[in-house]
Amino acid sequence: MINPKAKLVENLFDKDRMEFLPTRDGFGKGLVEAGEKDERIVVLCADLSESTRSQWFKDKFPERYIQLGVAEQNMATVASGLANYGKIPFISSYAAFSPGRNNEQIRTTICINNVPVKIAGAHAGISVGPDGATHQALEDAGLMRMLPNMTVLVPCDAVEAKKATLAAAQLPGPVYIRFGREKSAIVTTEDTPFEVGKAQVFRQGKDATIISAGMLVYNALLAAEELSKEGIEATVINSPSLKPFDVETITESAKKTGAVVSVEEHQIVGGLGSAVAETLAQNHPVPQEFIGVHDRFGESGEPDELLEAFGMGVGSIKEAVKKVMKRKK
């Protein structure tokens, strides 16, 4: 059963009535709103202003926008300097290049100094599609999650992405926010709760727990709906905050259902699946199955085809739930 406290969209399983937008659109809207509220916010971009939606901030606040060109390492270092002098910089590029290319500068100049630079990694995941392996960031959340002082957010849709952007602007330290390129389902509303460090129970069930982040949250909900018709009731948890991680909510659900499936558009090493496994190992060990990328690079293709080929479709999630339930027994 859908959790009424989650306040999701009413037509959740009617694809003809669903709205689809890329999460990067939520970032662009949030960026402009944050800039209206706080004059300290500045935006730096690595020659991808339209793709990352930082163009929307540039159009509104051109005097607070800096184009660095194709120089992600320099962008991170310049942002660190601006932050040291009282600004709140957002830096944006493809996630494959920021934090992929400038990981060392983020580590040394931003995280060690614990300055409030906000890193927007767009076009993350396999759903980038035809751009192929070089542009499909599948390790970015793990890289950022390992860094001390870093907060890591992976919003599930454009509405939540706007909330995550506004929240990041107010946090005192570094933040990484992960966005997709492809249009994805809008499942949340303005009234859906969002808080850094908290997960939300979107659906309640007794047989297994599905924990997801990013655009695959919708696939998790679809899988749970189909499983319900087969007599299997799964809890679905949206975990947009990979760090800090909501240990309490995840542990409580694991105790109730006794079986967990993690679902992410990322390498299963270092990302959401690892965060879940670490939590369960320390608090309440139960069987876990991992939906995500299993130690390989991406490839060119259409987004939906790639999600299926890499085992992240609705059918794969359903199979994982059934498998983990057998392990529980």
C-alpha atoms as a PDB file:
ATOM      1  CA  MET A   1       0.000   0.000   0.000  1.00  0.00           C
ATOM      2  CA  ILE A   2       1.244   3.507  -0.865  1.00  0.00           C
ATOM      3  CA  ASN A   3       2.156   5.373   2.294  1.00  0.00           C
ATOM      4  CA  PRO A   4      -0.242   8.348   2.579  1.00  0.00           C
ATOM      5  CA  LYS A   5       2.350  10.282   4.572  1.00  0.00           C
ATOM      6  CA  ALA A   6       4.638  10.262   1.522  1.00  0.00           C
ATOM      7  CA  LYS A   7       2.143  12.477  -0.362  1.00  0.00           C
ATOM      8  CA  LEU A   8       3.038  11.155  -3.812  1.00  0.00           C
ATOM      9  CA  VAL A   9       1.326  12.079  -7.080  1.00  0.00           C
ATOM     10  CA  GLU A  10      -2.202  10.724  -7.428  1.00  0.00           C
ATOM     11  CA  ASN A  11      -1.823   9.080 -10.845  1.00  0.00           C
ATOM     12  CA  LEU A  12       1.305   7.161  -9.854  1.00  0.00           C
ATOM     13  CA  PHE A  13       0.736   4.098 -12.044  1.00  0.00           C
ATOM     14  CA  ASP A  14      -1.024   5.755 -14.983  1.00  0.00           C
ATOM     15  CA  LYS A  15       1.826   6.446 -17.422  1.00  0.00           C
ATOM     16  CA  ASP A  16      -0.478   8.344 -19.767  1.00  0.00           C
ATOM     17  CA  ARG A  17      -1.124  10.908 -17.042  1.00  0.00           C
ATOM     18  CA  MET A  18       2.335  10.958 -15.491  1.00  0.00           C
ATOM     19  CA  GLU A  19       4.645  13.926 -16.013  1.00  0.00           C
ATOM     20  CA  PHE A  20       8.227  13.207 -17.097  1.00  0.00           C
ATOM     21  CA  LEU A  21      11.103  15.675 -16.661  1.00  0.00           C
ATOM     22  CA  PRO A  22      14.875  15.275 -16.276  1.00  0.00           C
ATOM     23  CA  THR A  23      16.166  15.793 -12.744  1.00  0.00           C
ATOM     24  CA  ARG A  24      18.569  18.423 -14.103  1.00  0.00           C
ATOM     25  CA  ASP A  25      15.508  20.649 -14.685  1.00  0.00           C
ATOM     26  CA  GLY A  26      14.837  20.611 -10.961  1.00  0.00           C
ATOM     27  CA  PHE A  27      18.435  21.653 -10.379  1.00  0.00           C
ATOM     28  CA  GLY A  28      18.078  24.599 -12.751  1.00  0.00           C
ATOM     29  CA  LYS A  29      14.898  25.802 -11.068  1.00  0.00           C
ATOM     30  CA  GLY A  30      16.335  25.325  -7.593  1.00  0.00           C
ATOM     31  CA  LEU A  31      19.477  27.191  -8.543  1.00  0.00           C
ATOM     32  CA  VAL A  32      17.548  30.271  -9.626  1.00  0.00           C
ATOM     33  CA  GLU A  33      15.375  30.214  -6.505  1.00  0.00           C
ATOM     34  CA  ALA A  34      18.408  29.801  -4.258  1.00  0.00           C
ATOM     35  CA  GLY A  35      20.096  32.697  -6.023  1.00  0.00           C
ATOM     36  CA  GLU A  36      17.080  34.898  -5.403  1.00  0.00           C
ATOM     37  CA  LYS A  37      17.254  34.132  -1.694  1.00  0.00           C
ATOM     38  CA  ASP A  38      21.011  34.494  -1.175  1.00  0.00           C
ATOM     39  CA  GLU A  39      23.314  36.911  -3.024  1.00  0.00           C
ATOM     40  CA  ARG A  40      26.357  34.894  -1.941  1.00  0.00           C
ATOM     41  CA  ILE A  41      25.480  32.126  -4.403  1.00  0.00           C
ATOM     42  CA  VAL A  42      27.590  32.058  -7.553  1.00  0.00           C
ATOM     43  CA  VAL A  43      27.616  29.476 -10.346  1.00  0.00           C
ATOM     44  CA  LEU A  44      30.617  28.122 -12.231  1.00  0.00           C
ATOM     45  CA  CYS A  45      30.306  25.908 -15.284  1.00  0.00           C
ATOM     46  CA  ALA A  46      32.676  23.913 -17.498  1.00  0.00           C
ATOM     47  CA  ASP A  47      31.251  24.846 -20.906  1.00  0.00           C
ATOM     48  CA  LEU A  48      28.016  22.879 -20.401  1.00  0.00           C
ATOM     49  CA  SER A  49      25.623  25.556 -19.196  1.00  0.00           C
ATOM     50  CA  GLU A  50      22.610  24.456 -21.263  1.00  0.00           C
ATOM     51  CA  SER A  51      23.110  20.735 -20.628  1.00  0.00           C
ATOM     52  CA  THR A  52      23.423  21.189 -16.858  1.00  0.00           C
ATOM     53  CA  ARG A  53      20.674  23.848 -16.738  1.00  0.00           C
ATOM     54  CA  SER A  54      23.030  26.343 -15.089  1.00  0.00           C
ATOM     55  CA  GLN A  55      22.133  28.524 -18.081  1.00  0.00           C
ATOM     56  CA  TRP A  56      18.915  29.415 -16.252  1.00  0.00           C
ATOM     57  CA  PHE A  57      20.936  30.975 -13.426  1.00  0.00           C
ATOM     58  CA  LYS A  58      23.163  32.766 -15.964  1.00  0.00           C
ATOM     59  CA  ASP A  59      20.119  34.312 -17.632  1.00  0.00           C
ATOM     60  CA  LYS A  60      18.839  35.650 -14.284  1.00  0.00           C
ATOM     61  CA  PHE A  61      22.126  36.565 -12.604  1.00  0.00           C
ATOM     62  CA  PRO A  62      24.815  37.046 -15.296  1.00  0.00           C
ATOM     63  CA  GLU A  63      27.064  38.967 -12.893  1.00  0.00           C
ATOM     64  CA  ARG A  64      27.210  35.914 -10.593  1.00  0.00           C
ATOM     65  CA  TYR A  65      27.958  33.384 -13.320  1.00  0.00           C
ATOM     66  CA  ILE A  66      31.491  32.339 -14.321  1.00  0.00           C
ATOM     67  CA  GLN A  67      32.249  30.280 -17.429  1.00  0.00           C
ATOM     68  CA  LEU A  68      35.503  28.353 -16.843  1.00  0.00           C
ATOM     69  CA  GLY A  69      35.559  26.430 -20.112  1.00  0.00           C
ATOM     70  CA  VAL A  70      36.606  22.797 -20.370  1.00  0.00           C
ATOM     71  CA  ALA A  71      38.705  22.922 -17.198  1.00  0.00           C
ATOM     72  CA  GLU A  72      37.007  20.998 -14.409  1.00  0.00           C
ATOM     73  CA  GLN A  73      40.109  20.857 -12.190  1.00  0.00           C
ATOM     74  CA  ASN A  74      40.477  24.622 -12.360  1.00  0.00           C
ATOM     75  CA  MET A  75      36.751  25.083 -11.750  1.00  0.00           C
ATOM     76  CA  ALA A  76      36.897  23.158  -8.453  1.00  0.00           C
ATOM     77  CA  THR A  77      39.926  25.125  -7.264  1.00  0.00           C
ATOM     78  CA  VAL A  78      38.465  28.518  -8.216  1.00  0.00           C
ATOM     79  CA  ALA A  79      35.254  27.571  -6.413  1.00  0.00           C
ATOM     80  CA  SER A  80      37.228  26.680  -3.305  1.00  0.00           C
ATOM     81  CA  GLY A  81      38.863  30.102  -3.348  1.00  0.00           C
ATOM     82  CA  LEU A  82      35.501  31.838  -3.757  1.00  0.00           C
ATOM     83  CA  ALA A  83      34.086  29.816  -0.863  1.00  0.00           C
ATOM     84  CA  ASN A  84      37.022  30.806   1.336  1.00  0.00           C
ATOM     85  CA  TYR A  85      36.057  34.432   0.727  1.00  0.00           C
ATOM     86  CA  GLY A  86      32.407  34.077   1.690  1.00  0.00           C
ATOM     87  CA  LYS A  87      30.693  32.940  -1.499  1.00  0.00           C
ATOM     88  CA  ILE A  88      28.541  29.811  -1.924  1.00  0.00           C
ATOM     89  CA  PRO A  89      29.682  28.395  -5.276  1.00  0.00           C
ATOM     90  CA  PHE A  90      27.818  25.776  -7.302  1.00  0.00           C
ATOM     91  CA  ILE A  91      29.981  24.042  -9.912  1.00  0.00           C
ATOM     92  CA  SER A  92      28.314  22.116 -12.724  1.00  0.00           C
ATOM     93  CA  SER A  93      29.439  19.698 -15.402  1.00  0.00           C
ATOM     94  CA  TYR A  94      28.819  16.134 -16.488  1.00  0.00           C
ATOM     95  CA  ALA A  95      29.374  13.792 -13.555  1.00  0.00           C
ATOM     96  CA  ALA A  96      31.943  11.870 -15.624  1.00  0.00           C
ATOM     97  CA  PHE A  97      34.126  14.999 -15.514  1.00  0.00           C
ATOM     98  CA  SER A  98      33.072  16.575 -12.215  1.00  0.00           C
ATOM     99  CA  PRO A  99      33.680  14.731  -9.902  1.00  0.00           C
ATOM    100  CA  GLY A 100      35.234  12.241 -12.334  1.00  0.00           C
ATOM    101  CA  ARG A 101      38.081  14.363 -13.690  1.00  0.00           C
ATOM    102  CA  ASN A 102      38.578  16.747 -10.761  1.00  0.00           C
ATOM    103  CA  ASN A 103      38.298  14.330  -7.844  1.00  0.00           C
ATOM    104  CA  GLU A 104      41.712  15.285  -6.477  1.00  0.00           C
ATOM    105  CA  GLN A 105      40.923  19.012  -6.490  1.00  0.00           C
ATOM    106  CA  ILE A 106      37.581  18.380  -4.799  1.00  0.00           C
ATOM    107  CA  ARG A 107      39.332  16.300  -2.153  1.00  0.00           C
ATOM    108  CA  THR A 108      42.249  18.651  -1.503  1.00  0.00           C
ATOM    109  CA  THR A 109      40.888  22.157  -1.981  1.00  0.00           C
ATOM    110  CA  ILE A 110      37.216  21.662  -1.060  1.00  0.00           C
ATOM    111  CA  CYS A 111      36.807  18.782   1.394  1.00  0.00           C
ATOM    112  CA  ILE A 112      40.011  19.136   3.408  1.00  0.00           C
ATOM    113  CA  ASN A 113      39.193  22.829   3.872  1.00  0.00           C
ATOM    114  CA  ASN A 114      35.490  21.973   4.454  1.00  0.00           C
ATOM    115  CA  VAL A 115      34.257  24.903   2.377  1.00  0.00           C
ATOM    116  CA  PRO A 116      30.658  25.198   1.082  1.00  0.00           C
ATOM    117  CA  VAL A 117      31.186  24.295  -2.572  1.00  0.00           C
ATOM    118  CA  LYS A 118      28.204  22.495  -4.129  1.00  0.00           C
ATOM    119  CA  ILE A 119      29.053  20.049  -6.933  1.00  0.00           C
ATOM    120  CA  ALA A 120      26.333  19.302  -9.482  1.00  0.00           C
ATOM    121  CA  GLY A 121      27.054  16.126 -11.443  1.00  0.00           C
ATOM    122  CA  ALA A 122      24.707  16.003 -14.437  1.00  0.00           C
ATOM    123  CA  HIS A 123      24.181  13.240 -17.016  1.00  0.00           C
ATOM    124  CA  ALA A 124      24.986  10.553 -14.456  1.00  0.00           C
ATOM    125  CA  GLY A 125      24.178   6.869 -14.866  1.00  0.00           C
ATOM    126  CA  ILE A 126      23.672   4.479 -17.747  1.00  0.00           C
ATOM    127  CA  SER A 127      20.574   6.364 -18.935  1.00  0.00           C
ATOM    128  CA  VAL A 128      22.813   8.986 -20.587  1.00  0.00           C
ATOM    129  CA  GLY A 129      22.325   6.581 -23.491  1.00  0.00           C
ATOM    130  CA  PRO A 130      24.079   7.081 -26.852  1.00  0.00           C
ATOM    131  CA  ASP A 131      26.978   9.084 -25.365  1.00  0.00           C
ATOM    132  CA  GLY A 132      28.468   5.789 -24.219  1.00  0.00           C
ATOM    133  CA  ALA A 133      30.914   4.643 -21.577  1.00  0.00           C
ATOM    134  CA  THR A 134      33.100   7.767 -21.453  1.00  0.00           C
ATOM    135  CA  HIS A 135      30.140   9.942 -20.463  1.00  0.00           C
ATOM    136  CA  GLN A 136      28.173   7.482 -18.315  1.00  0.00           C
ATOM    137  CA  ALA A 137      29.307   8.209 -14.756  1.00  0.00           C
ATOM    138  CA  LEU A 138      28.753   5.041 -12.739  1.00  0.00           C
ATOM    139  CA  GLU A 139      31.245   5.623  -9.914  1.00  0.00           C
ATOM    140  CA  ASP A 140      30.607   9.262  -8.990  1.00  0.00           C
ATOM    141  CA  ALA A 141      28.426   8.843  -5.900  1.00  0.00           C
ATOM    142  CA  GLY A 142      30.893   6.351  -4.462  1.00  0.00           C
ATOM    143  CA  LEU A 143      33.826   8.707  -5.033  1.00  0.00           C
ATOM    144  CA  MET A 144      32.022  11.526  -3.257  1.00  0.00           C
ATOM    145  CA  ARG A 145      30.599   9.346  -0.498  1.00  0.00           C
ATOM    146  CA  MET A 146      34.100   8.327   0.584  1.00  0.00           C
ATOM    147  CA  LEU A 147      35.259  11.906   1.111  1.00  0.00           C
ATOM    148  CA  PRO A 148      35.125  13.283   4.670  1.00  0.00           C
ATOM    149  CA  ASN A 149      32.908  16.370   5.095  1.00  0.00           C
ATOM    150  CA  MET A 150      30.969  15.620   1.878  1.00  0.00           C
ATOM    151  CA  THR A 151      27.169  15.334   1.755  1.00  0.00           C
ATOM    152  CA  VAL A 152      25.818  13.205  -1.129  1.00  0.00           C
ATOM    153  CA  LEU A 153      22.287  13.649  -2.524  1.00  0.00           C
ATOM    154  CA  VAL A 154      20.614  11.619  -5.302  1.00  0.00           C
ATOM    155  CA  PRO A 155      17.082  12.999  -5.894  1.00  0.00           C
ATOM    156  CA  CYS A 156      14.461  10.692  -7.416  1.00  0.00           C
ATOM    157  CA  ASP A 157      12.742  13.238  -9.682  1.00  0.00           C
ATOM    158  CA  ALA A 158      12.808  16.870 -10.784  1.00  0.00           C
ATOM    159  CA  VAL A 159      10.634  18.034  -7.870  1.00  0.00           C
ATOM    160  CA  GLU A 160      12.949  16.434  -5.332  1.00  0.00           C
ATOM    161  CA  ALA A 161      15.983  17.731  -7.249  1.00  0.00           C
ATOM    162  CA  LYS A 162      14.789  21.287  -6.713  1.00  0.00           C
ATOM    163  CA  LYS A 163      14.378  20.601  -2.992  1.00  0.00           C
ATOM    164  CA  ALA A 164      17.833  19.017  -2.832  1.00  0.00           C
ATOM    165  CA  THR A 165      19.391  22.035  -4.548  1.00  0.00           C
ATOM    166  CA  LEU A 166      17.754  24.469  -2.137  1.00  0.00           C
ATOM    167  CA  ALA A 167      18.810  22.331   0.828  1.00  0.00           C
ATOM    168  CA  ALA A 168      22.399  22.109  -0.467  1.00  0.00           C
ATOM    169  CA  ALA A 169      22.613  25.893  -0.668  1.00  0.00           C
ATOM    170  CA  GLN A 170      21.932  26.124   3.062  1.00  0.00           C
ATOM    171  CA  LEU A 171      24.323  23.420   4.240  1.00  0.00           C
ATOM    172  CA  PRO A 172      27.609  24.680   5.693  1.00  0.00           C
ATOM    173  CA  GLY A 173      29.971  22.226   3.958  1.00  0.00           C
ATOM    174  CA  PRO A 174      30.580  20.547   0.576  1.00  0.00           C
ATOM    175  CA  VAL A 175      27.674  18.824  -1.179  1.00  0.00           C
ATOM    176  CA  TYR A 176      27.488  16.537  -4.214  1.00  0.00           C
ATOM    177  CA  ILE A 177      24.137  16.342  -6.045  1.00  0.00           C
ATOM    178  CA  ARG A 178      23.648  13.739  -8.774  1.00  0.00           C
ATOM    179  CA  PHE A 179      21.342  14.388 -11.751  1.00  0.00           C
ATOM    180  CA  GLY A 180      20.232  12.514 -14.852  1.00  0.00           C
ATOM    181  CA  ARG A 181      19.878  13.519 -18.471  1.00  0.00           C
ATOM    182  CA  GLU A 182      16.856  11.454 -19.490  1.00  0.00           C
ATOM    183  CA  LYS A 183      13.307  12.480 -18.626  1.00  0.00           C
ATOM    184  CA  SER A 184      12.076  10.517 -15.624  1.00  0.00           C
ATOM    185  CA  ALA A 185       8.733  10.161 -13.887  1.00  0.00           C
ATOM    186  CA  ILE A 186       7.595  12.825 -11.420  1.00  0.00           C
ATOM    187  CA  VAL A 187       6.506  10.746  -8.432  1.00  0.00           C
ATOM    188  CA  THR A 188       6.754  13.318  -5.630  1.00  0.00           C
ATOM    189  CA  THR A 189       4.888  16.569  -4.997  1.00  0.00           C
ATOM    190  CA  GLU A 190       5.737  19.854  -3.340  1.00  0.00           C
ATOM    191  CA  ASP A 191       4.240  18.383  -0.160  1.00  0.00           C
ATOM    192  CA  THR A 192       6.349  15.208  -0.177  1.00  0.00           C
ATOM    193  CA  PRO A 193       8.753  15.349   2.795  1.00  0.00           C
ATOM    194  CA  PHE A 194      12.433  15.958   2.024  1.00  0.00           C
ATOM    195  CA  GLU A 195      15.222  16.295   4.553  1.00  0.00           C
ATOM    196  CA  VAL A 196      18.950  15.755   4.224  1.00  0.00           C
ATOM    197  CA  GLY A 197      19.882  12.602   6.117  1.00  0.00           C
ATOM    198  CA  LYS A 198      16.374  11.132   5.894  1.00  0.00           C
ATOM    199  CA  ALA A 199      14.790   8.411   3.764  1.00  0.00           C
ATOM    200  CA  GLN A 200      11.077   8.281   2.993  1.00  0.00           C
ATOM    201  CA  VAL A 201       8.871   5.191   3.023  1.00  0.00           C
ATOM    202  CA  PHE A 202       6.885   5.507  -0.210  1.00  0.00           C
ATOM    203  CA  ARG A 203       5.142   2.139   0.033  1.00  0.00           C
ATOM    204  CA  GLN A 204       4.463  -0.175   2.968  1.00  0.00           C
ATOM    205  CA  GLY A 205       4.746  -3.966   2.811  1.00  0.00           C
ATOM    206  CA  LYS A 206       5.651  -6.929   5.010  1.00  0.00           C
ATOM    207  CA  ASP A 207       7.534  -9.343   2.725  1.00  0.00           C
ATOM    208  CA  ALA A 208      10.623  -7.449   1.530  1.00  0.00           C
ATOM    209  CA  THR A 209      12.157  -3.968   1.449  1.00  0.00           C
ATOM    210  CA  ILE A 210      13.235  -2.249  -1.775  1.00  0.00           C
ATOM    211  CA  ILE A 211      15.565   0.696  -1.190  1.00  0.00           C
ATOM    212  CA  SER A 212      16.295   2.981  -4.129  1.00  0.00           C
ATOM    213  CA  ALA A 213      17.614   6.408  -5.084  1.00  0.00           C
ATOM    214  CA  GLY A 214      17.441   8.470  -8.258  1.00  0.00           C
ATOM    215  CA  MET A 215      15.194   7.821 -11.244  1.00  0.00           C
ATOM    216  CA  LEU A 216      15.017   4.065 -10.513  1.00  0.00           C
ATOM    217  CA  VAL A 217      12.734   4.784  -7.542  1.00  0.00           C
ATOM    218  CA  TYR A 218       9.879   4.752 -10.051  1.00  0.00           C
ATOM    219  CA  ASN A 219      10.922   1.313 -11.342  1.00  0.00           C
ATOM    220  CA  ALA A 220      10.976   0.119  -7.727  1.00  0.00           C
ATOM    221  CA  LEU A 221       7.424   1.369  -7.215  1.00  0.00           C
ATOM    222  CA  LEU A 222       6.249  -0.267 -10.440  1.00  0.00           C
ATOM    223  CA  ALA A 223       7.883  -3.552  -9.427  1.00  0.00           C
ATOM    224  CA  ALA A 224       6.222  -3.436  -6.006  1.00  0.00           C
ATOM    225  CA  GLU A 225       2.841  -2.752  -7.593  1.00  0.00           C
ATOM    226  CA  GLU A 226       3.210  -5.774  -9.898  1.00  0.00           C
ATOM    227  CA  LEU A 227       4.447  -7.971  -7.053  1.00  0.00           C
ATOM    228  CA  SER A 228       1.376  -7.004  -5.032  1.00  0.00           C
ATOM    229  CA  LYS A 229      -0.811  -8.591  -7.704  1.00  0.00           C
ATOM    230  CA  GLU A 230       1.147 -11.815  -7.098  1.00  0.00           C
ATOM    231  CA  GLY A 231       0.563 -11.679  -3.351  1.00  0.00           C
ATOM    232  CA  ILE A 232       3.959 -10.209  -2.425  1.00  0.00           C
ATOM    233  CA  GLU A 233       3.874  -6.943  -0.494  1.00  0.00           C
ATOM    234  CA  ALA A 234       7.095  -4.940  -0.618  1.00  0.00           C
ATOM    235  CA  THR A 235       8.075  -1.791   1.230  1.00  0.00           C
ATOM    236  CA  VAL A 236       9.641   0.816  -1.075  1.00  0.00           C
ATOM    237  CA  ILE A 237      12.024   3.349   0.466  1.00  0.00           C
ATOM    238  CA  ASN A 238      13.342   6.411  -1.331  1.00  0.00           C
ATOM    239  CA  SER A 239      16.819   7.239  -0.022  1.00  0.00           C
ATOM    240  CA  PRO A 240      17.910  10.507  -1.673  1.00  0.00           C
ATOM    241  CA  SER A 241      20.492  11.159   1.040  1.00  0.00           C
ATOM    242  CA  LEU A 242      23.371   8.707   0.538  1.00  0.00           C
ATOM    243  CA  LYS A 243      25.444  10.613   3.053  1.00  0.00           C
ATOM    244  CA  PRO A 244      24.412  11.212   5.756  1.00  0.00           C
ATOM    245  CA  PHE A 245      22.484   7.943   5.525  1.00  0.00           C
ATOM    246  CA  ASP A 246      19.212   7.216   7.317  1.00  0.00           C
ATOM    247  CA  VAL A 247      20.351   4.198   9.337  1.00  0.00           C
ATOM    248  CA  GLU A 248      17.259   4.215  11.539  1.00  0.00           C
ATOM    249  CA  THR A 249      14.654   3.958   8.756  1.00  0.00           C
ATOM    250  CA  ILE A 250      16.604   1.302   6.830  1.00  0.00           C
ATOM    251  CA  THR A 251      17.242  -0.805   9.942  1.00  0.00           C
ATOM    252  CA  GLU A 252      13.637  -0.573  11.100  1.00  0.00           C
ATOM    253  CA  SER A 253      12.337  -1.781   7.731  1.00  0.00           C
ATOM    254  CA  ALA A 254      14.878  -4.623   7.583  1.00  0.00           C
ATOM    255  CA  LYS A 255      13.662  -5.816  10.974  1.00  0.00           C
ATOM    256  CA  LYS A 256      10.058  -5.830   9.750  1.00  0.00           C
ATOM    257  CA  THR A 257      10.554  -7.563   6.395  1.00  0.00           C
ATOM    258  CA  GLY A 258      13.741  -9.593   6.891  1.00  0.00           C
ATOM    259  CA  ALA A 259      14.883  -9.151   3.267  1.00  0.00           C
ATOM    260  CA  VAL A 260      16.295  -6.184   1.340  1.00  0.00           C
ATOM    261  CA  VAL A 261      16.921  -5.253  -2.303  1.00  0.00           C
ATOM    262  CA  SER A 262      18.952  -2.140  -3.162  1.00  0.00           C
ATOM    263  CA  VAL A 263      18.237  -0.473  -6.521  1.00  0.00           C
ATOM    264  CA  GLU A 264      20.550   2.120  -8.069  1.00  0.00           C
ATOM    265  CA  GLU A 265      21.820   3.383 -11.430  1.00  0.00           C
ATOM    266  CA  HIS A 266      25.432   3.167 -10.256  1.00  0.00           C
ATOM    267  CA  GLN A 267      28.120   0.602  -9.585  1.00  0.00           C
ATOM    268  CA  ILE A 268      26.911  -1.601  -6.743  1.00  0.00           C
ATOM    269  CA  VAL A 269      30.330  -1.063  -5.142  1.00  0.00           C
ATOM    270  CA  GLY A 270      30.523   2.179  -3.175  1.00  0.00           C
ATOM    271  CA  GLY A 271      27.037   3.521  -3.809  1.00  0.00           C
ATOM    272  CA  LEU A 272      23.599   2.975  -2.308  1.00  0.00           C
ATOM    273  CA  GLY A 273      23.955  -0.815  -2.156  1.00  0.00           C
ATOM    274  CA  SER A 274      27.159  -0.492  -0.169  1.00  0.00           C
ATOM    275  CA  ALA A 275      25.573   2.031   2.198  1.00  0.00           C
ATOM    276  CA  VAL A 276      22.682  -0.364   2.805  1.00  0.00           C
ATOM    277  CA  ALA A 277      24.993  -3.349   3.307  1.00  0.00           C
ATOM    278  CA  GLU A 278      27.145  -1.415   5.779  1.00  0.00           C
ATOM    279  CA  THR A 279      24.039  -0.400   7.710  1.00  0.00           C
ATOM    280  CA  LEU A 280      22.640  -3.926   7.846  1.00  0.00           C
ATOM    281  CA  ALA A 281      25.986  -5.483   8.791  1.00  0.00           C
ATOM    282  CA  GLN A 282      26.316  -3.166  11.767  1.00  0.00           C
ATOM    283  CA  ASN A 283      22.701  -3.107  12.933  1.00  0.00           C
ATOM    284  CA  HIS A 284      20.532  -5.971  11.688  1.00  0.00           C
ATOM    285  CA  PRO A 285      21.990  -8.403   9.126  1.00  0.00           C
ATOM    286  CA  VAL A 286      19.430  -9.800   6.652  1.00  0.00           C
ATOM    287  CA  PRO A 287      19.738 -11.188   3.100  1.00  0.00           C
ATOM    288  CA  GLN A 288      20.330  -8.476   0.468  1.00  0.00           C
ATOM    289  CA  GLU A 289      20.257  -8.474  -3.326  1.00  0.00           C
ATOM    290  CA  PHE A 290      21.896  -5.729  -5.392  1.00  0.00           C
ATOM    291  CA  ILE A 291      20.319  -4.126  -8.470  1.00  0.00           C
ATOM    292  CA  GLY A 292      22.787  -1.847 -10.233  1.00  0.00           C
ATOM    293  CA  VAL A 293      25.886  -2.010 -12.423  1.00  0.00           C
ATOM    294  CA  HIS A 294      27.997  -5.064 -11.663  1.00  0.00           C
ATOM    295  CA  ASP A 295      31.662  -4.187 -12.233  1.00  0.00           C
ATOM    296  CA  ARG A 296      31.510  -3.075 -15.864  1.00  0.00           C
ATOM    297  CA  PHE A 297      31.515   0.104 -17.901  1.00  0.00           C
ATOM    298  CA  GLY A 298      28.565   1.426 -19.851  1.00  0.00           C
ATOM    299  CA  GLU A 299      27.905   1.300 -23.584  1.00  0.00           C
ATOM    300  CA  SER A 300      25.955   3.218 -26.206  1.00  0.00           C
ATOM    301  CA  GLY A 301      22.246   2.591 -26.617  1.00  0.00           C
ATOM    302  CA  GLU A 302      18.805   3.943 -25.881  1.00  0.00           C
ATOM    303  CA  PRO A 303      18.248   4.663 -22.165  1.00  0.00           C
ATOM    304  CA  ASP A 304      15.396   2.184 -21.636  1.00  0.00           C
ATOM    305  CA  GLU A 305      17.227  -0.533 -23.540  1.00  0.00           C
ATOM    306  CA  LEU A 306      20.361  -0.015 -21.463  1.00  0.00           C
ATOM    307  CA  LEU A 307      18.462  -0.143 -18.166  1.00  0.00           C
ATOM    308  CA  GLU A 308      17.010  -3.495 -19.236  1.00  0.00           C
ATOM    309  CA  ALA A 309      20.313  -4.821 -20.579  1.00  0.00           C
ATOM    310  CA  PHE A 310      22.124  -3.911 -17.364  1.00  0.00           C
ATOM    311  CA  GLY A 311      19.480  -5.585 -15.185  1.00  0.00           C
ATOM    312  CA  MET A 312      17.832  -2.469 -13.757  1.00  0.00           C
ATOM    313  CA  GLY A 313      14.358  -2.861 -15.240  1.00  0.00           C
ATOM    314  CA  VAL A 314      11.125  -3.647 -13.420  1.00  0.00           C
ATOM    315  CA  GLY A 315      11.411  -7.366 -14.200  1.00  0.00           C
ATOM    316  CA  SER A 316      14.904  -7.583 -12.738  1.00  0.00           C
ATOM    317  CA  ILE A 317      13.767  -5.879  -9.537  1.00  0.00           C
ATOM    318  CA  LYS A 318      10.875  -8.330  -9.183  1.00  0.00           C
ATOM    319  CA  GLU A 319      13.225 -11.292  -9.657  1.00  0.00           C
ATOM    320  CA  ALA A 320      15.602  -9.893  -7.034  1.00  0.00           C
ATOM    321  CA  VAL A 321      12.750  -9.544  -4.523  1.00  0.00           C
ATOM    322  CA  LYS A 322      11.664 -13.139  -5.061  1.00  0.00           C
ATOM    323  CA  LYS A 323      15.258 -14.344  -4.784  1.00  0.00           C
ATOM    324  CA  VAL A 324      15.944 -12.510  -1.546  1.00  0.00           C
ATOM    325  CA  MET A 325      12.681 -13.777  -0.056  1.00  0.00           C
ATOM    326  CA  LYS A 326      13.786 -17.358  -0.747  1.00  0.00           C
ATOM    327  CA  ARG A 327      17.076 -16.632   1.005  1.00  0.00           C
ATOM    328  CA  LYS A 328      15.138 -15.294   3.967  1.00  0.00           C
ATOM    329  CA  LYS A 329      13.216 -18.559   4.286  1.00  0.00           C
END
